[in-house]
Amino acid sequence: MTVQSDIQKAIASCESAKGTYSMMAQSTEDMQAKQMYNVMKADIDRHLQYLNGRLGFLNDGNQLNNIKKQK
C-alpha cells in the first residue's frame, strides 16, 4: 500500500464524516449540538484541505516520485 492510497482512504473517511456531521446538524433542534456539529464539520474541511494538498504534492510535486516514474 502506498502513501497516496492511504491518503485517499483518509480523504474518503473525512468526506463520509463530514456528511454525517452535516446530517446530524440538520436533524437536531438542539442549537448547542447543531453548533458543535458545524464546528466539527469545519474541522474536517481543514483536514481535507491539508490531505488534498499533500496528495497533490505526492502526485505532482514530489521530485523523488517523478524520478521513479521515469525509470
Protein backbone atom coordinates (compact mmCIF):
# COMPACT_ATOMS: atom_id res chain seq x y z
CA MET A 1 0.00 0.00 0.00
CA THR A 2 1.32 3.41 -0.90
CA VAL A 3 1.18 6.65 1.00
CA GLN A 4 -1.08 8.02 -1.75
CA SER A 5 -3.64 5.25 -1.28
CA ASP A 6 -3.54 5.77 2.50
CA ILE A 7 -4.24 9.47 1.99
CA GLN A 8 -7.04 8.70 -0.46
CA LYS A 9 -8.64 6.43 2.14
CA ALA A 10 -8.30 9.16 4.77
CA ILE A 11 -9.94 11.65 2.38
CA ALA A 12 -12.85 9.27 1.77
CA SER A 13 -13.29 8.77 5.52
CA CYS A 14 -13.23 12.53 6.12
CA GLU A 15 -15.82 13.11 3.40
CA SER A 16 -18.06 10.49 4.99
CA ALA A 17 -17.68 12.02 8.46
CA LYS A 18 -18.35 15.48 7.04
CA GLY A 19 -21.61 14.25 5.51
CA THR A 20 -22.61 12.60 8.76
CA TYR A 21 -21.94 15.76 10.78
CA SER A 22 -23.92 17.80 8.27
CA MET A 23 -26.91 15.44 8.50
CA MET A 24 -26.72 15.45 12.29
CA ALA A 25 -26.63 19.25 12.39
CA GLN A 26 -29.69 19.43 10.17
CA SER A 27 -31.66 16.83 12.08
CA THR A 28 -31.30 18.23 15.61
CA GLU A 29 -33.21 21.09 17.14
CA ASP A 30 -30.66 21.46 19.96
CA MET A 31 -28.80 24.64 18.98
CA GLN A 32 -25.73 23.76 21.05
CA ALA A 33 -25.45 20.36 19.38
CA LYS A 34 -26.08 21.91 15.96
CA GLN A 35 -23.27 24.40 16.54
CA MET A 36 -20.89 21.65 17.67
CA TYR A 37 -21.63 19.52 14.59
CA ASN A 38 -20.95 22.53 12.38
CA VAL A 39 -17.65 23.19 14.18
CA MET A 40 -16.70 19.54 13.70
CA LYS A 41 -17.60 19.81 10.02
CA ALA A 42 -15.36 22.88 9.70
CA ASP A 43 -12.53 20.92 11.34
CA ILE A 44 -12.98 18.17 8.77
CA ASP A 45 -12.80 20.81 6.00
CA ARG A 46 -9.38 21.85 7.31
CA HIS A 47 -8.26 18.23 7.42
CA LEU A 48 -9.44 17.71 3.86
CA GLN A 49 -7.62 20.82 2.68
CA TYR A 50 -4.36 19.51 4.13
CA LEU A 51 -4.86 15.94 2.88
CA ASN A 52 -5.75 17.06 -0.64
CA GLY A 53 -2.73 19.35 -0.72
CA ARG A 54 -0.48 16.56 0.49
CA LEU A 55 -1.89 14.16 -2.09
CA GLY A 56 -1.35 16.74 -4.84
CA PHE A 57 2.24 17.21 -3.71
CA LEU A 58 2.89 13.48 -3.71
CA ASN A 59 1.27 13.00 -7.11
CA ASP A 60 2.73 16.03 -8.89
CA GLY A 61 5.37 17.90 -6.99
CA ASN A 62 7.50 15.27 -5.37
CA GLN A 63 10.73 15.05 -7.34
CA LEU A 64 11.54 11.59 -5.95
CA ASN A 65 8.25 10.27 -7.33
CA ASN A 66 8.95 11.83 -10.72
CA ILE A 67 12.41 10.20 -10.86
CA LYS A 68 10.93 6.79 -10.00
CA LYS A 69 8.29 7.19 -12.73
CA GLN A 70 10.97 7.92 -15.34
CA LYS A 71 12.92 4.74 -14.63
